[in-house]
Amino acid sequence: MDEKTQTELEAAAFRQLVSHLREHTEVQNIDLMNLAGFCRNCLSKWYRAAAEERGLEMDYEQAREIIYGMPYSEWKAKYQKDDSK
């Protein structure tokens, strides 16, 4: 497999992962961290780092909005469960 095709497949898999996480808002970040060792916030940080490696300016909140599909504050208000029970 050539590098371009591999990159395209990796990008498609990443887009599907992000889409899956957007659809499954019942899955909390703490659950992801406990089970997989990463969460939506980690993906946001990795996305931002990749952008910066390519000379693109992007802050953490911009990256979060790309991963969450909305501003983080909105996602948090709609979907984050209170863990103080």
PDB file of N, CA and C in Angstrom:
ATOM      1  N   MET A   1       0.850  -1.169   0.000  1.00  0.00           N
ATOM      2  CA  MET A   1       0.000   0.000   0.000  1.00  0.00           C
ATOM      3  C   MET A   1       0.902   1.241   0.000  1.00  0.00           C
ATOM      4  N   ASP A   2       0.553   2.200  -0.841  1.00  0.00           N
ATOM      5  CA  ASP A   2       1.366   3.417  -0.880  1.00  0.00           C
ATOM      6  C   ASP A   2       0.984   4.338   0.276  1.00  0.00           C
ATOM      7  N   GLU A   3       1.871   5.283   0.570  1.00  0.00           N
ATOM      8  CA  GLU A   3       1.701   6.174   1.723  1.00  0.00           C
ATOM      9  C   GLU A   3       0.448   7.034   1.618  1.00  0.00           C
ATOM     10  N   LYS A   4       0.135   7.513   0.424  1.00  0.00           N
ATOM     11  CA  LYS A   4      -1.054   8.356   0.228  1.00  0.00           C
ATOM     12  C   LYS A   4      -2.323   7.575   0.566  1.00  0.00           C
ATOM     13  N   THR A   5      -2.411   6.349   0.077  1.00  0.00           N
ATOM     14  CA  THR A   5      -3.582   5.514   0.357  1.00  0.00           C
ATOM     15  C   THR A   5      -3.683   5.221   1.845  1.00  0.00           C
ATOM     16  N   GLN A   6      -2.554   4.919   2.467  1.00  0.00           N
ATOM     17  CA  GLN A   6      -2.561   4.645   3.901  1.00  0.00           C
ATOM     18  C   GLN A   6      -3.058   5.861   4.675  1.00  0.00           C
ATOM     19  N   THR A   7      -2.582   7.037   4.322  1.00  0.00           N
ATOM     20  CA  THR A   7      -3.013   8.268   4.989  1.00  0.00           C
ATOM     21  C   THR A   7      -4.512   8.494   4.796  1.00  0.00           C
ATOM     22  N   GLU A   8      -5.007   8.237   3.595  1.00  0.00           N
ATOM     23  CA  GLU A   8      -6.441   8.391   3.323  1.00  0.00           C
ATOM     24  C   GLU A   8      -7.269   7.423   4.162  1.00  0.00           C
ATOM     25  N   LEU A   9      -6.809   6.193   4.291  1.00  0.00           N
ATOM     26  CA  LEU A   9      -7.526   5.202   5.096  1.00  0.00           C
ATOM     27  C   LEU A   9      -7.495   5.574   6.582  1.00  0.00           C
ATOM     28  N   GLU A  10      -6.337   6.038   7.046  1.00  0.00           N
ATOM     29  CA  GLU A  10      -6.230   6.468   8.434  1.00  0.00           C
ATOM     30  C   GLU A  10      -7.152   7.650   8.709  1.00  0.00           C
ATOM     31  N   ALA A  11      -7.209   8.592   7.782  1.00  0.00           N
ATOM     32  CA  ALA A  11      -8.091   9.750   7.932  1.00  0.00           C
ATOM     33  C   ALA A  11      -9.555   9.317   7.957  1.00  0.00           C
ATOM     34  N   ALA A  12      -9.914   8.381   7.108  1.00  0.00           N
ATOM     35  CA  ALA A  12     -11.299   7.889   7.085  1.00  0.00           C
ATOM     36  C   ALA A  12     -11.644   7.187   8.398  1.00  0.00           C
ATOM     37  N   ALA A  13     -10.721   6.401   8.914  1.00  0.00           N
ATOM     38  CA  ALA A  13     -10.954   5.715  10.193  1.00  0.00           C
ATOM     39  C   ALA A  13     -11.088   6.725  11.327  1.00  0.00           C
ATOM     40  N   PHE A  14     -10.262   7.766  11.309  1.00  0.00           N
ATOM     41  CA  PHE A  14     -10.339   8.822  12.322  1.00  0.00           C
ATOM     42  C   PHE A  14     -11.693   9.528  12.254  1.00  0.00           C
ATOM     43  N   ARG A  15     -12.127   9.876  11.037  1.00  0.00           N
ATOM     44  CA  ARG A  15     -13.428  10.538  10.890  1.00  0.00           C
ATOM     45  C   ARG A  15     -14.546   9.650  11.418  1.00  0.00           C
ATOM     46  N   GLN A  16     -14.457   8.358  11.173  1.00  0.00           N
ATOM     47  CA  GLN A  16     -15.483   7.433  11.664  1.00  0.00           C
ATOM     48  C   GLN A  16     -15.455   7.348  13.182  1.00  0.00           C
ATOM     49  N   LEU A  17     -14.264   7.338  13.774  1.00  0.00           N
ATOM     50  CA  LEU A  17     -14.151   7.334  15.237  1.00  0.00           C
ATOM     51  C   LEU A  17     -14.790   8.580  15.827  1.00  0.00           C
ATOM     52  N   VAL A  18     -14.479   9.735  15.274  1.00  0.00           N
ATOM     53  CA  VAL A  18     -15.054  10.992  15.773  1.00  0.00           C
ATOM     54  C   VAL A  18     -16.575  10.972  15.616  1.00  0.00           C
ATOM     55  N   SER A  19     -17.052  10.516  14.484  1.00  0.00           N
ATOM     56  CA  SER A  19     -18.498  10.422  14.252  1.00  0.00           C
ATOM     57  C   SER A  19     -19.151   9.490  15.280  1.00  0.00           C
ATOM     58  N   HIS A  20     -18.519   8.371  15.525  1.00  0.00           N
ATOM     59  CA  HIS A  20     -19.035   7.391  16.490  1.00  0.00           C
ATOM     60  C   HIS A  20     -19.123   8.010  17.890  1.00  0.00           C
ATOM     61  N   LEU A  21     -18.073   8.733  18.284  1.00  0.00           N
ATOM     62  CA  LEU A  21     -18.083   9.364  19.601  1.00  0.00           C
ATOM     63  C   LEU A  21     -19.136  10.463  19.695  1.00  0.00           C
ATOM     64  N   ARG A  22     -19.355  11.183  18.601  1.00  0.00           N
ATOM     65  CA  ARG A  22     -20.411  12.216  18.597  1.00  0.00           C
ATOM     66  C   ARG A  22     -21.789  11.587  18.744  1.00  0.00           C
ATOM     67  N   GLU A  23     -21.988  10.431  18.136  1.00  0.00           N
ATOM     68  CA  GLU A  23     -23.283   9.746  18.207  1.00  0.00           C
ATOM     69  C   GLU A  23     -23.521   9.116  19.574  1.00  0.00           C
ATOM     70  N   HIS A  24     -22.459   8.734  20.242  1.00  0.00           N
ATOM     71  CA  HIS A  24     -22.587   8.032  21.520  1.00  0.00           C
ATOM     72  C   HIS A  24     -22.206   8.943  22.678  1.00  0.00           C
ATOM     73  N   THR A  25     -23.035   9.953  22.857  1.00  0.00           N
ATOM     74  CA  THR A  25     -22.790  10.941  23.912  1.00  0.00           C
ATOM     75  C   THR A  25     -22.974  10.347  25.304  1.00  0.00           C
ATOM     76  N   GLU A  26     -23.625   9.198  25.385  1.00  0.00           N
ATOM     77  CA  GLU A  26     -23.787   8.546  26.682  1.00  0.00           C
ATOM     78  C   GLU A  26     -22.456   8.022  27.217  1.00  0.00           C
ATOM     79  N   VAL A  27     -21.497   7.846  26.340  1.00  0.00           N
ATOM     80  CA  VAL A  27     -20.174   7.406  26.760  1.00  0.00           C
ATOM     81  C   VAL A  27     -19.405   8.626  27.263  1.00  0.00           C
ATOM     82  N   GLN A  28     -19.138   8.635  28.537  1.00  0.00           N
ATOM     83  CA  GLN A  28     -18.468   9.763  29.167  1.00  0.00           C
ATOM     84  C   GLN A  28     -16.949   9.668  28.955  1.00  0.00           C
ATOM     85  N   ASN A  29     -16.301  10.812  28.997  1.00  0.00           N
ATOM     86  CA  ASN A  29     -14.851  10.837  28.832  1.00  0.00           C
ATOM     87  C   ASN A  29     -14.143  10.003  29.893  1.00  0.00           C
ATOM     88  N   ILE A  30     -14.640  10.030  31.117  1.00  0.00           N
ATOM     89  CA  ILE A  30     -14.010   9.246  32.185  1.00  0.00           C
ATOM     90  C   ILE A  30     -14.093   7.755  31.861  1.00  0.00           C
ATOM     91  N   ASP A  31     -15.199   7.329  31.246  1.00  0.00           N
ATOM     92  CA  ASP A  31     -15.335   5.924  30.835  1.00  0.00           C
ATOM     93  C   ASP A  31     -14.277   5.578  29.794  1.00  0.00           C
ATOM     94  N   LEU A  32     -14.119   6.476  28.818  1.00  0.00           N
ATOM     95  CA  LEU A  32     -13.108   6.250  27.782  1.00  0.00           C
ATOM     96  C   LEU A  32     -11.707   6.180  28.393  1.00  0.00           C
ATOM     97  N   MET A  33     -11.414   7.106  29.301  1.00  0.00           N
ATOM     98  CA  MET A  33     -10.089   7.118  29.936  1.00  0.00           C
ATOM     99  C   MET A  33      -9.844   5.828  30.713  1.00  0.00           C
ATOM    100  N   ASN A  34     -10.843   5.389  31.453  1.00  0.00           N
ATOM    101  CA  ASN A  34     -10.686   4.170  32.253  1.00  0.00           C
ATOM    102  C   ASN A  34     -10.514   2.927  31.390  1.00  0.00           C
ATOM    103  N   LEU A  35     -11.222   2.864  30.283  1.00  0.00           N
ATOM    104  CA  LEU A  35     -11.180   1.680  29.433  1.00  0.00           C
ATOM    105  C   LEU A  35     -10.091   1.708  28.365  1.00  0.00           C
ATOM    106  N   ALA A  36      -9.872   2.894  27.783  1.00  0.00           N
ATOM    107  CA  ALA A  36      -8.984   2.962  26.618  1.00  0.00           C
ATOM    108  C   ALA A  36      -7.738   3.815  26.826  1.00  0.00           C
ATOM    109  N   GLY A  37      -7.715   4.601  27.888  1.00  0.00           N
ATOM    110  CA  GLY A  37      -6.554   5.434  28.144  1.00  0.00           C
ATOM    111  C   GLY A  37      -6.520   6.717  27.330  1.00  0.00           C
ATOM    112  N   PHE A  38      -7.635   7.049  26.682  1.00  0.00           N
ATOM    113  CA  PHE A  38      -7.763   8.319  25.960  1.00  0.00           C
ATOM    114  C   PHE A  38      -9.232   8.702  25.934  1.00  0.00           C
ATOM    115  N   CYS A  39      -9.479   9.982  25.634  1.00  0.00           N
ATOM    116  CA  CYS A  39     -10.855  10.460  25.564  1.00  0.00           C
ATOM    117  C   CYS A  39     -10.975  11.516  24.470  1.00  0.00           C
ATOM    118  N   ARG A  40     -12.130  12.135  24.391  1.00  0.00           N
ATOM    119  CA  ARG A  40     -12.357  13.173  23.391  1.00  0.00           C
ATOM    120  C   ARG A  40     -11.370  14.330  23.558  1.00  0.00           C
ATOM    121  N   ASN A  41     -11.059  14.665  24.811  1.00  0.00           N
ATOM    122  CA  ASN A  41     -10.110  15.749  25.055  1.00  0.00           C
ATOM    123  C   ASN A  41      -8.716  15.385  24.560  1.00  0.00           C
ATOM    124  N   CYS A  42      -8.325  14.137  24.722  1.00  0.00           N
ATOM    125  CA  CYS A  42      -7.034  13.680  24.193  1.00  0.00           C
ATOM    126  C   CYS A  42      -7.015  13.829  22.675  1.00  0.00           C
ATOM    127  N   LEU A  43      -8.088  13.404  22.019  1.00  0.00           N
ATOM    128  CA  LEU A  43      -8.168  13.553  20.565  1.00  0.00           C
ATOM    129  C   LEU A  43      -8.047  15.016  20.164  1.00  0.00           C
ATOM    130  N   SER A  44      -8.676  15.887  20.940  1.00  0.00           N
ATOM    131  CA  SER A  44      -8.586  17.322  20.662  1.00  0.00           C
ATOM    132  C   SER A  44      -7.153  17.812  20.767  1.00  0.00           C
ATOM    133  N   LYS A  45      -6.455  17.378  21.793  1.00  0.00           N
ATOM    134  CA  LYS A  45      -5.050  17.766  21.971  1.00  0.00           C
ATOM    135  C   LYS A  45      -4.176  17.231  20.841  1.00  0.00           C
ATOM    136  N   TRP A  46      -4.407  16.004  20.437  1.00  0.00           N
ATOM    137  CA  TRP A  46      -3.629  15.407  19.345  1.00  0.00           C
ATOM    138  C   TRP A  46      -3.912  16.124  18.032  1.00  0.00           C
ATOM    139  N   TYR A  47      -5.163  16.499  17.822  1.00  0.00           N
ATOM    140  CA  TYR A  47      -5.551  17.219  16.605  1.00  0.00           C
ATOM    141  C   TYR A  47      -4.849  18.572  16.562  1.00  0.00           C
ATOM    142  N   ARG A  48      -4.885  19.266  17.679  1.00  0.00           N
ATOM    143  CA  ARG A  48      -4.224  20.574  17.764  1.00  0.00           C
ATOM    144  C   ARG A  48      -2.720  20.429  17.524  1.00  0.00           C
ATOM    145  N   ALA A  49      -2.107  19.452  18.131  1.00  0.00           N
ATOM    146  CA  ALA A  49      -0.672  19.235  17.958  1.00  0.00           C
ATOM    147  C   ALA A  49      -0.334  18.955  16.496  1.00  0.00           C
ATOM    148  N   ALA A  50      -1.166  18.153  15.832  1.00  0.00           N
ATOM    149  CA  ALA A  50      -0.938  17.853  14.412  1.00  0.00           C
ATOM    150  C   ALA A  50      -1.038  19.117  13.572  1.00  0.00           C
ATOM    151  N   ALA A  51      -2.014  19.967  13.894  1.00  0.00           N
ATOM    152  CA  ALA A  51      -2.162  21.229  13.164  1.00  0.00           C
ATOM    153  C   ALA A  51      -0.932  22.105  13.364  1.00  0.00           C
ATOM    154  N   GLU A  52      -0.485  22.215  14.591  1.00  0.00           N
ATOM    155  CA  GLU A  52       0.670  23.053  14.892  1.00  0.00           C
ATOM    156  C   GLU A  52       1.945  22.522  14.238  1.00  0.00           C
ATOM    157  N   GLU A  53       2.080  21.200  14.165  1.00  0.00           N
ATOM    158  CA  GLU A  53       3.236  20.602  13.483  1.00  0.00           C
ATOM    159  C   GLU A  53       3.279  21.007  12.016  1.00  0.00           C
ATOM    160  N   ARG A  54       2.128  21.321  11.473  1.00  0.00           N
ATOM    161  CA  ARG A  54       2.027  21.719  10.069  1.00  0.00           C
ATOM    162  C   ARG A  54       1.969  23.240   9.908  1.00  0.00           C
ATOM    163  N   GLY A  55       2.265  23.952  10.982  1.00  0.00           N
ATOM    164  CA  GLY A  55       2.322  25.408  10.928  1.00  0.00           C
ATOM    165  C   GLY A  55       0.980  26.099  10.979  1.00  0.00           C
ATOM    166  N   LEU A  56      -0.065  25.376  11.376  1.00  0.00           N
ATOM    167  CA  LEU A  56      -1.399  25.960  11.467  1.00  0.00           C
ATOM    168  C   LEU A  56      -1.686  26.352  12.904  1.00  0.00           C
ATOM    169  N   GLU A  57      -2.166  27.568  13.097  1.00  0.00           N
ATOM    170  CA  GLU A  57      -2.530  28.010  14.438  1.00  0.00           C
ATOM    171  C   GLU A  57      -3.910  27.480  14.796  1.00  0.00           C
ATOM    172  N   MET A  58      -3.995  26.873  15.955  1.00  0.00           N
ATOM    173  CA  MET A  58      -5.270  26.354  16.431  1.00  0.00           C
ATOM    174  C   MET A  58      -5.188  26.290  17.943  1.00  0.00           C
ATOM    175  N   ASP A  59      -6.188  26.842  18.617  1.00  0.00           N
ATOM    176  CA  ASP A  59      -6.166  26.719  20.063  1.00  0.00           C
ATOM    177  C   ASP A  59      -6.959  25.477  20.480  1.00  0.00           C
ATOM    178  N   TYR A  60      -6.837  25.148  21.748  1.00  0.00           N
ATOM    179  CA  TYR A  60      -7.449  23.940  22.280  1.00  0.00           C
ATOM    180  C   TYR A  60      -8.965  23.947  22.097  1.00  0.00           C
ATOM    181  N   GLU A  61      -9.602  25.090  22.328  1.00  0.00           N
ATOM    182  CA  GLU A  61     -11.059  25.158  22.184  1.00  0.00           C
ATOM    183  C   GLU A  61     -11.498  24.940  20.733  1.00  0.00           C
ATOM    184  N   GLN A  62     -10.728  25.430  19.780  1.00  0.00           N
ATOM    185  CA  GLN A  62     -11.047  25.186  18.373  1.00  0.00           C
ATOM    186  C   GLN A  62     -10.954  23.688  18.067  1.00  0.00           C
ATOM    187  N   ALA A  63      -9.922  23.061  18.560  1.00  0.00           N
ATOM    188  CA  ALA A  63      -9.755  21.621  18.342  1.00  0.00           C
ATOM    189  C   ALA A  63     -10.877  20.844  19.015  1.00  0.00           C
ATOM    190  N   ARG A  64     -11.250  21.248  20.214  1.00  0.00           N
ATOM    191  CA  ARG A  64     -12.352  20.578  20.902  1.00  0.00           C
ATOM    192  C   ARG A  64     -13.643  20.672  20.098  1.00  0.00           C
ATOM    193  N   GLU A  65     -13.908  21.840  19.530  1.00  0.00           N
ATOM    194  CA  GLU A  65     -15.134  22.005  18.754  1.00  0.00           C
ATOM    195  C   GLU A  65     -15.144  21.079  17.539  1.00  0.00           C
ATOM    196  N   ILE A  66     -13.996  20.864  16.945  1.00  0.00           N
ATOM    197  CA  ILE A  66     -13.898  19.943  15.808  1.00  0.00           C
ATOM    198  C   ILE A  66     -14.213  18.515  16.257  1.00  0.00           C
ATOM    199  N   ILE A  67     -13.666  18.110  17.381  1.00  0.00           N
ATOM    200  CA  ILE A  67     -13.883  16.745  17.869  1.00  0.00           C
ATOM    201  C   ILE A  67     -15.292  16.547  18.418  1.00  0.00           C
ATOM    202  N   TYR A  68     -15.770  17.489  19.218  1.00  0.00           N
ATOM    203  CA  TYR A  68     -17.091  17.355  19.842  1.00  0.00           C
ATOM    204  C   TYR A  68     -18.234  17.682  18.888  1.00  0.00           C
ATOM    205  N   GLY A  69     -17.949  18.425  17.812  1.00  0.00           N
ATOM    206  CA  GLY A  69     -18.994  18.806  16.873  1.00  0.00           C
ATOM    207  C   GLY A  69     -19.796  20.015  17.329  1.00  0.00           C
ATOM    208  N   MET A  70     -19.350  20.649  18.392  1.00  0.00           N
ATOM    209  CA  MET A  70     -19.999  21.832  18.953  1.00  0.00           C
ATOM    210  C   MET A  70     -19.039  22.400  19.995  1.00  0.00           C
ATOM    211  N   PRO A  71     -19.281  23.615  20.447  1.00  0.00           N
ATOM    212  CA  PRO A  71     -18.431  24.132  21.520  1.00  0.00           C
ATOM    213  C   PRO A  71     -18.472  23.188  22.729  1.00  0.00           C
ATOM    214  N   TYR A  72     -17.330  23.008  23.372  1.00  0.00           N
ATOM    215  CA  TYR A  72     -17.246  22.086  24.501  1.00  0.00           C
ATOM    216  C   TYR A  72     -18.237  22.447  25.600  1.00  0.00           C
ATOM    217  N   SER A  73     -18.392  23.725  25.890  1.00  0.00           N
ATOM    218  CA  SER A  73     -19.322  24.143  26.950  1.00  0.00           C
ATOM    219  C   SER A  73     -20.744  23.676  26.649  1.00  0.00           C
ATOM    220  N   GLU A  74     -21.122  23.714  25.382  1.00  0.00           N
ATOM    221  CA  GLU A  74     -22.453  23.250  24.972  1.00  0.00           C
ATOM    222  C   GLU A  74     -22.568  21.737  25.151  1.00  0.00           C
ATOM    223  N   TRP A  75     -21.544  21.000  24.694  1.00  0.00           N
ATOM    224  CA  TRP A  75     -21.556  19.537  24.832  1.00  0.00           C
ATOM    225  C   TRP A  75     -21.637  19.155  26.305  1.00  0.00           C
ATOM    226  N   LYS A  76     -20.835  19.824  27.117  1.00  0.00           N
ATOM    227  CA  LYS A  76     -20.789  19.532  28.552  1.00  0.00           C
ATOM    228  C   LYS A  76     -22.159  19.756  29.187  1.00  0.00           C
ATOM    229  N   ALA A  77     -22.809  20.861  28.855  1.00  0.00           N
ATOM    230  CA  ALA A  77     -24.130  21.165  29.411  1.00  0.00           C
ATOM    231  C   ALA A  77     -25.176  20.141  28.975  1.00  0.00           C
ATOM    232  N   LYS A  78     -25.075  19.670  27.747  1.00  0.00           N
ATOM    233  CA  LYS A  78     -26.061  18.722  27.217  1.00  0.00           C
ATOM    234  C   LYS A  78     -25.830  17.281  27.663  1.00  0.00           C
ATOM    235  N   TYR A  79     -24.556  16.861  27.712  1.00  0.00           N
ATOM    236  CA  TYR A  79     -24.280  15.436  27.802  1.00  0.00           C
ATOM    237  C   TYR A  79     -23.447  14.972  28.994  1.00  0.00           C
ATOM    238  N   GLN A  80     -22.679  15.836  29.601  1.00  0.00           N
ATOM    239  CA  GLN A  80     -21.811  15.364  30.684  1.00  0.00           C
ATOM    240  C   GLN A  80     -22.621  15.083  31.924  1.00  0.00           C
ATOM    241  N   LYS A  81     -22.451  13.900  32.455  1.00  0.00           N
ATOM    242  CA  LYS A  81     -23.166  13.512  33.655  1.00  0.00           C
ATOM    243  C   LYS A  81     -22.449  14.041  34.889  1.00  0.00           C
ATOM    244  N   ASP A  82     -23.234  14.326  35.904  1.00  0.00           N
ATOM    245  CA  ASP A  82     -22.681  14.765  37.175  1.00  0.00           C
ATOM    246  C   ASP A  82     -22.113  13.534  37.871  1.00  0.00           C
ATOM    247  N   ASP A  83     -20.817  13.546  38.162  1.00  0.00           N
ATOM    248  CA  ASP A  83     -20.183  12.384  38.778  1.00  0.00           C
ATOM    249  C   ASP A  83     -20.057  12.513  40.289  1.00  0.00           C
ATOM    250  N   SER A  84     -20.765  13.455  40.864  1.00  0.00           N
ATOM    251  CA  SER A  84     -20.653  13.686  42.308  1.00  0.00           C
ATOM    252  C   SER A  84     -21.677  12.869  43.115  1.00  0.00           C
ATOM    253  N   LYS A  85     -22.305  11.910  42.477  1.00  0.00           N
ATOM    254  CA  LYS A  85     -23.344  11.106  43.140  1.00  0.00           C
ATOM    255  C   LYS A  85     -22.744  10.153  44.140  1.00  0.00           C
TER     256      LYS A  85
END
